[in-house]
Amino acid sequence: MKSTDGRYNLPRFNMPLELGIFVAAKRFGIDAQKLKRCIVLDRRRYRYQRYISDIAGQDIHSHERKLTVLIQEIATWLRNQSRDSKVPGGKKMTAELNSFRKKIPKICSRRQLEPDELTFGDYAEMVVEYLAAVA
């Protein structure tokens, strides 16, 4: 992922800015905003300290640039936050994702699409179709 805008070689800080707004709303906002929760992930533990030290005090998780670790971190966070025993573990979520990915070419074929042409809307509809089929 490119970290600068290319033309002027300036860093792109949209996500840290948006996270800062979120954290400020949670801390200083009205009651509903104070209930907000989020998980912050970075590719390496403590890497954020080099480029956004003001985030110190947040519980930053590392995904180690591995999809399986990312899914595990999110699954664990979802179970902890929701206290919902029906939220599956990361290994189950990863297996489900892999199963869905294998079906993408067939679903695309039925829709007369190529996988590299998918819009977000196409993808979202495919997820709904897949979930309905496996339910």
N, C-alpha and C. Protein backbone atom coordinates (compact mmCIF):
# COMPACT_ATOMS: atom_id res chain seq x y z
N MET A 1 0.84 -1.17 0.00
CA MET A 1 0.00 0.00 0.00
C MET A 1 0.89 1.24 0.00
N LYS A 2 0.57 2.15 -0.86
CA LYS A 2 1.33 3.37 -0.99
C LYS A 2 0.97 4.34 0.14
N SER A 3 1.98 4.90 0.80
CA SER A 3 1.70 5.77 1.94
C SER A 3 1.79 7.25 1.59
N THR A 4 2.18 7.58 0.36
CA THR A 4 2.23 8.99 -0.03
C THR A 4 1.35 9.20 -1.24
N ASP A 5 1.07 10.47 -1.54
CA ASP A 5 0.17 10.77 -2.65
C ASP A 5 0.86 10.73 -4.01
N GLY A 6 2.16 10.51 -4.07
CA GLY A 6 2.86 10.37 -5.33
C GLY A 6 3.28 11.69 -5.93
N ARG A 7 2.35 12.55 -6.23
CA ARG A 7 2.66 13.81 -6.90
C ARG A 7 3.51 14.73 -6.04
N TYR A 8 3.11 14.91 -4.79
CA TYR A 8 3.83 15.81 -3.89
C TYR A 8 4.63 15.08 -2.82
N ASN A 9 4.56 13.76 -2.83
CA ASN A 9 5.25 12.92 -1.86
C ASN A 9 4.87 13.26 -0.42
N LEU A 10 3.60 13.56 -0.23
CA LEU A 10 3.09 13.87 1.11
C LEU A 10 2.39 12.63 1.67
N PRO A 11 2.50 12.40 2.97
CA PRO A 11 1.82 11.24 3.55
C PRO A 11 0.31 11.41 3.54
N ARG A 12 -0.38 10.29 3.48
CA ARG A 12 -1.85 10.28 3.51
C ARG A 12 -2.27 9.83 4.90
N PHE A 13 -2.94 10.69 5.63
CA PHE A 13 -3.30 10.39 7.01
C PHE A 13 -4.80 10.37 7.24
N ASN A 14 -5.59 9.95 6.29
CA ASN A 14 -7.04 9.93 6.47
C ASN A 14 -7.44 9.05 7.65
N MET A 15 -6.93 7.82 7.69
CA MET A 15 -7.36 6.90 8.75
C MET A 15 -6.96 7.38 10.14
N PRO A 16 -5.73 7.85 10.36
CA PRO A 16 -5.42 8.37 11.71
C PRO A 16 -6.29 9.56 12.09
N LEU A 17 -6.59 10.43 11.13
CA LEU A 17 -7.46 11.56 11.41
C LEU A 17 -8.85 11.08 11.80
N GLU A 18 -9.40 10.15 11.01
CA GLU A 18 -10.74 9.63 11.31
C GLU A 18 -10.77 8.91 12.65
N LEU A 19 -9.72 8.16 12.95
CA LEU A 19 -9.64 7.49 14.25
C LEU A 19 -9.59 8.52 15.37
N GLY A 20 -8.85 9.59 15.18
CA GLY A 20 -8.78 10.65 16.18
C GLY A 20 -10.14 11.27 16.43
N ILE A 21 -10.89 11.50 15.37
CA ILE A 21 -12.24 12.05 15.51
C ILE A 21 -13.12 11.07 16.29
N PHE A 22 -13.00 9.78 15.96
CA PHE A 22 -13.78 8.74 16.64
C PHE A 22 -13.45 8.72 18.13
N VAL A 23 -12.16 8.70 18.46
CA VAL A 23 -11.73 8.64 19.87
C VAL A 23 -12.20 9.90 20.62
N ALA A 24 -12.11 11.06 19.97
CA ALA A 24 -12.56 12.30 20.62
C ALA A 24 -14.07 12.27 20.85
N ALA A 25 -14.82 11.76 19.85
CA ALA A 25 -16.28 11.67 20.02
C ALA A 25 -16.63 10.73 21.17
N LYS A 26 -15.90 9.63 21.25
CA LYS A 26 -16.14 8.67 22.33
C LYS A 26 -15.86 9.31 23.69
N ARG A 27 -14.81 10.07 23.77
CA ARG A 27 -14.43 10.66 25.05
C ARG A 27 -15.25 11.89 25.43
N PHE A 28 -15.51 12.75 24.46
CA PHE A 28 -16.14 14.04 24.77
C PHE A 28 -17.57 14.18 24.25
N GLY A 29 -18.04 13.19 23.52
CA GLY A 29 -19.36 13.29 22.90
C GLY A 29 -20.51 13.06 23.85
N ILE A 30 -21.71 13.06 23.28
CA ILE A 30 -22.91 12.81 24.08
C ILE A 30 -22.97 11.32 24.43
N ASP A 31 -23.95 10.95 25.22
CA ASP A 31 -24.03 9.59 25.77
C ASP A 31 -23.92 8.50 24.71
N ALA A 32 -24.65 8.62 23.61
CA ALA A 32 -24.61 7.59 22.57
C ALA A 32 -23.21 7.44 21.99
N GLN A 33 -22.50 8.54 21.83
CA GLN A 33 -21.15 8.49 21.28
C GLN A 33 -20.17 7.85 22.26
N LYS A 34 -20.43 8.00 23.54
CA LYS A 34 -19.54 7.41 24.54
C LYS A 34 -19.64 5.88 24.57
N LEU A 35 -20.68 5.34 23.96
CA LEU A 35 -20.85 3.89 23.91
C LEU A 35 -20.13 3.25 22.73
N LYS A 36 -19.57 4.06 21.84
CA LYS A 36 -18.90 3.54 20.65
C LYS A 36 -17.70 2.69 21.04
N ARG A 37 -17.45 1.68 20.22
CA ARG A 37 -16.28 0.81 20.44
C ARG A 37 -15.61 0.55 19.10
N CYS A 38 -14.32 0.33 19.13
CA CYS A 38 -13.61 -0.01 17.90
C CYS A 38 -12.37 -0.83 18.25
N ILE A 39 -11.86 -1.48 17.24
CA ILE A 39 -10.59 -2.17 17.36
C ILE A 39 -9.62 -1.49 16.41
N VAL A 40 -8.40 -1.29 16.85
CA VAL A 40 -7.38 -0.66 16.03
C VAL A 40 -6.32 -1.72 15.75
N LEU A 41 -6.05 -1.91 14.46
CA LEU A 41 -5.09 -2.92 14.04
C LEU A 41 -3.98 -2.28 13.22
N ASP A 42 -2.80 -2.81 13.36
CA ASP A 42 -1.66 -2.38 12.55
C ASP A 42 -0.89 -3.64 12.15
N ARG A 43 -0.06 -3.51 11.16
CA ARG A 43 0.62 -4.71 10.66
C ARG A 43 1.71 -5.22 11.60
N ARG A 44 2.30 -4.34 12.39
CA ARG A 44 3.31 -4.77 13.36
C ARG A 44 3.02 -4.11 14.69
N ARG A 45 3.28 -4.83 15.76
CA ARG A 45 3.07 -4.30 17.10
C ARG A 45 4.00 -3.11 17.33
N TYR A 46 3.47 -2.05 17.86
CA TYR A 46 4.18 -0.82 18.21
C TYR A 46 4.68 -0.01 17.00
N ARG A 47 4.40 -0.44 15.78
CA ARG A 47 4.82 0.33 14.61
C ARG A 47 4.19 1.72 14.63
N TYR A 48 2.97 1.80 15.10
CA TYR A 48 2.24 3.07 15.13
C TYR A 48 2.98 4.15 15.90
N GLN A 49 3.82 3.74 16.86
CA GLN A 49 4.53 4.72 17.68
C GLN A 49 5.48 5.58 16.85
N ARG A 50 5.89 5.07 15.70
CA ARG A 50 6.81 5.81 14.84
C ARG A 50 6.10 6.90 14.04
N TYR A 51 4.81 6.73 13.76
CA TYR A 51 4.16 7.70 12.89
C TYR A 51 2.91 8.36 13.49
N ILE A 52 2.41 7.84 14.60
CA ILE A 52 1.24 8.45 15.22
C ILE A 52 1.29 8.18 16.73
N SER A 53 2.27 8.78 17.35
CA SER A 53 2.52 8.52 18.78
C SER A 53 1.37 8.99 19.67
N ASP A 54 0.57 9.92 19.21
CA ASP A 54 -0.54 10.41 20.03
C ASP A 54 -1.61 9.35 20.27
N ILE A 55 -1.53 8.24 19.62
CA ILE A 55 -2.52 7.18 19.81
C ILE A 55 -2.18 6.31 21.02
N ALA A 56 -1.05 6.58 21.63
CA ALA A 56 -0.66 5.82 22.82
C ALA A 56 -1.81 5.82 23.82
N GLY A 57 -1.99 4.71 24.48
CA GLY A 57 -3.09 4.56 25.42
C GLY A 57 -4.24 3.77 24.83
N GLN A 58 -4.27 3.63 23.51
CA GLN A 58 -5.27 2.79 22.86
C GLN A 58 -4.72 1.36 22.83
N ASP A 59 -5.59 0.40 22.76
CA ASP A 59 -5.18 -0.99 22.72
C ASP A 59 -4.99 -1.40 21.26
N ILE A 60 -3.79 -1.23 20.74
CA ILE A 60 -3.49 -1.51 19.34
C ILE A 60 -3.14 -2.99 19.20
N HIS A 61 -3.79 -3.64 18.24
CA HIS A 61 -3.55 -5.05 17.97
C HIS A 61 -2.74 -5.19 16.68
N SER A 62 -1.95 -6.23 16.58
CA SER A 62 -1.16 -6.48 15.38
C SER A 62 -1.75 -7.66 14.61
N HIS A 63 -1.82 -7.50 13.29
CA HIS A 63 -2.28 -8.61 12.45
C HIS A 63 -1.12 -9.28 11.71
N GLU A 64 0.10 -8.75 11.89
CA GLU A 64 1.31 -9.35 11.35
C GLU A 64 1.27 -9.54 9.83
N ARG A 65 0.40 -8.77 9.17
CA ARG A 65 0.23 -8.86 7.70
C ARG A 65 -0.26 -10.24 7.27
N LYS A 66 -1.00 -10.90 8.18
CA LYS A 66 -1.54 -12.24 7.89
C LYS A 66 -3.04 -12.20 8.05
N LEU A 67 -3.75 -12.63 7.01
CA LEU A 67 -5.20 -12.61 7.03
C LEU A 67 -5.75 -13.46 8.17
N THR A 68 -5.15 -14.61 8.41
CA THR A 68 -5.66 -15.47 9.48
C THR A 68 -5.54 -14.81 10.85
N VAL A 69 -4.46 -14.09 11.07
CA VAL A 69 -4.28 -13.38 12.35
C VAL A 69 -5.27 -12.22 12.44
N LEU A 70 -5.48 -11.52 11.34
CA LEU A 70 -6.46 -10.42 11.31
C LEU A 70 -7.85 -10.94 11.69
N ILE A 71 -8.26 -12.03 11.06
CA ILE A 71 -9.58 -12.59 11.34
C ILE A 71 -9.66 -13.05 12.79
N GLN A 72 -8.61 -13.68 13.30
CA GLN A 72 -8.60 -14.12 14.70
C GLN A 72 -8.74 -12.94 15.65
N GLU A 73 -8.02 -11.86 15.39
CA GLU A 73 -8.11 -10.67 16.23
C GLU A 73 -9.52 -10.09 16.22
N ILE A 74 -10.12 -10.00 15.04
CA ILE A 74 -11.47 -9.44 14.94
C ILE A 74 -12.49 -10.36 15.61
N ALA A 75 -12.37 -11.66 15.39
CA ALA A 75 -13.31 -12.61 16.00
C ALA A 75 -13.25 -12.53 17.53
N THR A 76 -12.05 -12.49 18.06
CA THR A 76 -11.88 -12.39 19.51
C THR A 76 -12.47 -11.08 20.03
N TRP A 77 -12.19 -9.98 19.32
CA TRP A 77 -12.73 -8.68 19.73
C TRP A 77 -14.26 -8.69 19.69
N LEU A 78 -14.84 -9.25 18.62
CA LEU A 78 -16.30 -9.30 18.51
C LEU A 78 -16.92 -10.10 19.65
N ARG A 79 -16.31 -11.25 19.99
CA ARG A 79 -16.85 -12.05 21.10
C ARG A 79 -16.73 -11.28 22.41
N ASN A 80 -15.60 -10.64 22.65
CA ASN A 80 -15.42 -9.88 23.89
C ASN A 80 -16.38 -8.70 23.99
N GLN A 81 -16.58 -7.99 22.90
CA GLN A 81 -17.43 -6.81 22.92
C GLN A 81 -18.91 -7.16 22.99
N SER A 82 -19.31 -8.17 22.25
CA SER A 82 -20.74 -8.50 22.17
C SER A 82 -21.18 -9.45 23.28
N ARG A 83 -20.23 -10.18 23.82
CA ARG A 83 -20.55 -11.22 24.80
C ARG A 83 -21.56 -12.22 24.22
N ASP A 84 -21.51 -12.37 22.90
CA ASP A 84 -22.41 -13.27 22.17
C ASP A 84 -21.69 -14.59 21.92
N SER A 85 -22.17 -15.65 22.53
CA SER A 85 -21.52 -16.96 22.40
C SER A 85 -21.67 -17.54 21.00
N LYS A 86 -22.53 -16.95 20.16
CA LYS A 86 -22.71 -17.46 18.80
C LYS A 86 -21.66 -16.93 17.83
N VAL A 87 -20.85 -15.95 18.24
CA VAL A 87 -19.80 -15.44 17.37
C VAL A 87 -18.73 -16.52 17.27
N PRO A 88 -18.48 -17.02 16.06
CA PRO A 88 -17.51 -18.11 15.93
C PRO A 88 -16.07 -17.62 16.11
N GLY A 89 -15.19 -18.57 16.28
CA GLY A 89 -13.77 -18.26 16.42
C GLY A 89 -13.14 -17.92 15.08
N GLY A 90 -11.93 -17.43 15.14
CA GLY A 90 -11.22 -17.02 13.94
C GLY A 90 -10.97 -18.14 12.95
N LYS A 91 -10.70 -19.34 13.44
CA LYS A 91 -10.45 -20.47 12.53
C LYS A 91 -11.71 -20.81 11.74
N LYS A 92 -12.86 -20.78 12.39
CA LYS A 92 -14.13 -21.05 11.71
C LYS A 92 -14.41 -19.96 10.68
N MET A 93 -14.18 -18.70 11.06
CA MET A 93 -14.41 -17.59 10.12
C MET A 93 -13.48 -17.69 8.92
N THR A 94 -12.22 -18.05 9.15
CA THR A 94 -11.26 -18.20 8.06
C THR A 94 -11.69 -19.32 7.12
N ALA A 95 -12.14 -20.45 7.68
CA ALA A 95 -12.61 -21.57 6.85
C ALA A 95 -13.81 -21.14 6.01
N GLU A 96 -14.72 -20.38 6.61
CA GLU A 96 -15.91 -19.91 5.89
C GLU A 96 -15.51 -18.96 4.77
N LEU A 97 -14.57 -18.06 5.04
CA LEU A 97 -14.09 -17.14 4.01
C LEU A 97 -13.45 -17.92 2.86
N ASN A 98 -12.63 -18.91 3.18
CA ASN A 98 -11.99 -19.71 2.13
C ASN A 98 -13.01 -20.46 1.30
N SER A 99 -14.05 -20.98 1.95
CA SER A 99 -15.12 -21.67 1.23
C SER A 99 -15.82 -20.70 0.28
N PHE A 100 -16.13 -19.51 0.76
CA PHE A 100 -16.78 -18.50 -0.09
C PHE A 100 -15.89 -18.13 -1.26
N ARG A 101 -14.62 -17.89 -1.01
CA ARG A 101 -13.69 -17.50 -2.08
C ARG A 101 -13.63 -18.54 -3.20
N LYS A 102 -13.69 -19.81 -2.82
CA LYS A 102 -13.66 -20.88 -3.84
C LYS A 102 -14.89 -20.84 -4.73
N LYS A 103 -16.00 -20.32 -4.20
CA LYS A 103 -17.26 -20.28 -4.96
C LYS A 103 -17.40 -19.02 -5.80
N ILE A 104 -16.55 -18.04 -5.60
CA ILE A 104 -16.66 -16.78 -6.34
C ILE A 104 -16.64 -16.99 -7.85
N PRO A 105 -15.71 -17.78 -8.42
CA PRO A 105 -15.72 -17.94 -9.88
C PRO A 105 -17.04 -18.52 -10.41
N LYS A 106 -17.62 -19.48 -9.71
CA LYS A 106 -18.88 -20.08 -10.15
C LYS A 106 -20.03 -19.06 -10.08
N ILE A 107 -20.08 -18.31 -8.98
CA ILE A 107 -21.12 -17.29 -8.83
C ILE A 107 -20.95 -16.23 -9.92
N CYS A 108 -19.72 -15.82 -10.17
CA CYS A 108 -19.45 -14.83 -11.22
C CYS A 108 -19.90 -15.36 -12.59
N SER A 109 -19.61 -16.61 -12.84
CA SER A 109 -20.00 -17.20 -14.12
C SER A 109 -21.51 -17.14 -14.31
N ARG A 110 -22.26 -17.48 -13.28
CA ARG A 110 -23.73 -17.41 -13.36
C ARG A 110 -24.20 -15.98 -13.61
N ARG A 111 -23.48 -15.02 -13.10
CA ARG A 111 -23.87 -13.61 -13.25
C ARG A 111 -23.22 -12.96 -14.48
N GLN A 112 -22.47 -13.75 -15.23
CA GLN A 112 -21.75 -13.28 -16.42
C GLN A 112 -20.80 -12.13 -16.08
N LEU A 113 -20.05 -12.34 -15.02
CA LEU A 113 -19.04 -11.39 -14.56
C LEU A 113 -17.70 -12.08 -14.43
N GLU A 114 -16.65 -11.31 -14.46
CA GLU A 114 -15.31 -11.80 -14.15
C GLU A 114 -14.96 -11.34 -12.74
N PRO A 115 -14.26 -12.16 -11.97
CA PRO A 115 -13.93 -11.76 -10.59
C PRO A 115 -13.24 -10.39 -10.48
N ASP A 116 -12.42 -10.03 -11.47
CA ASP A 116 -11.72 -8.74 -11.39
C ASP A 116 -12.61 -7.55 -11.77
N GLU A 117 -13.87 -7.80 -12.16
CA GLU A 117 -14.81 -6.74 -12.51
C GLU A 117 -15.77 -6.39 -11.37
N LEU A 118 -15.72 -7.14 -10.30
CA LEU A 118 -16.72 -7.00 -9.24
C LEU A 118 -16.67 -5.62 -8.60
N THR A 119 -17.85 -5.07 -8.44
CA THR A 119 -17.98 -3.84 -7.65
C THR A 119 -18.24 -4.26 -6.21
N PHE A 120 -18.21 -3.30 -5.31
CA PHE A 120 -18.53 -3.61 -3.92
C PHE A 120 -19.94 -4.17 -3.83
N GLY A 121 -20.87 -3.56 -4.56
CA GLY A 121 -22.26 -4.03 -4.56
C GLY A 121 -22.39 -5.46 -5.05
N ASP A 122 -21.66 -5.80 -6.13
CA ASP A 122 -21.67 -7.18 -6.64
C ASP A 122 -21.19 -8.13 -5.55
N TYR A 123 -20.09 -7.76 -4.92
CA TYR A 123 -19.49 -8.61 -3.89
C TYR A 123 -20.45 -8.79 -2.73
N ALA A 124 -21.07 -7.70 -2.29
CA ALA A 124 -22.01 -7.77 -1.17
C ALA A 124 -23.18 -8.68 -1.51
N GLU A 125 -23.70 -8.59 -2.72
CA GLU A 125 -24.81 -9.46 -3.14
C GLU A 125 -24.37 -10.92 -3.16
N MET A 126 -23.13 -11.16 -3.58
CA MET A 126 -22.61 -12.52 -3.62
C MET A 126 -22.49 -13.10 -2.21
N VAL A 127 -22.09 -12.27 -1.27
CA VAL A 127 -22.00 -12.73 0.12
C VAL A 127 -23.38 -13.12 0.62
N VAL A 128 -24.38 -12.29 0.35
CA VAL A 128 -25.75 -12.59 0.76
C VAL A 128 -26.21 -13.91 0.13
N GLU A 129 -25.94 -14.08 -1.16
CA GLU A 129 -26.31 -15.30 -1.88
C GLU A 129 -25.62 -16.51 -1.25
N TYR A 130 -24.34 -16.39 -0.98
CA TYR A 130 -23.58 -17.49 -0.38
C TYR A 130 -24.14 -17.85 1.00
N LEU A 131 -24.38 -16.82 1.82
CA LEU A 131 -24.89 -17.09 3.19
C LEU A 131 -26.26 -17.74 3.16
N ALA A 132 -27.10 -17.33 2.22
CA ALA A 132 -28.43 -17.94 2.10
C ALA A 132 -28.30 -19.41 1.71
N ALA A 133 -27.34 -19.73 0.87
CA ALA A 133 -27.15 -21.10 0.40
C ALA A 133 -26.60 -22.02 1.48
N VAL A 134 -25.78 -21.47 2.38
CA VAL A 134 -25.17 -22.34 3.41
C VAL A 134 -25.96 -22.33 4.71
N ALA A 135 -26.99 -21.50 4.81
CA ALA A 135 -27.77 -21.42 6.06
C ALA A 135 -28.63 -22.64 6.26
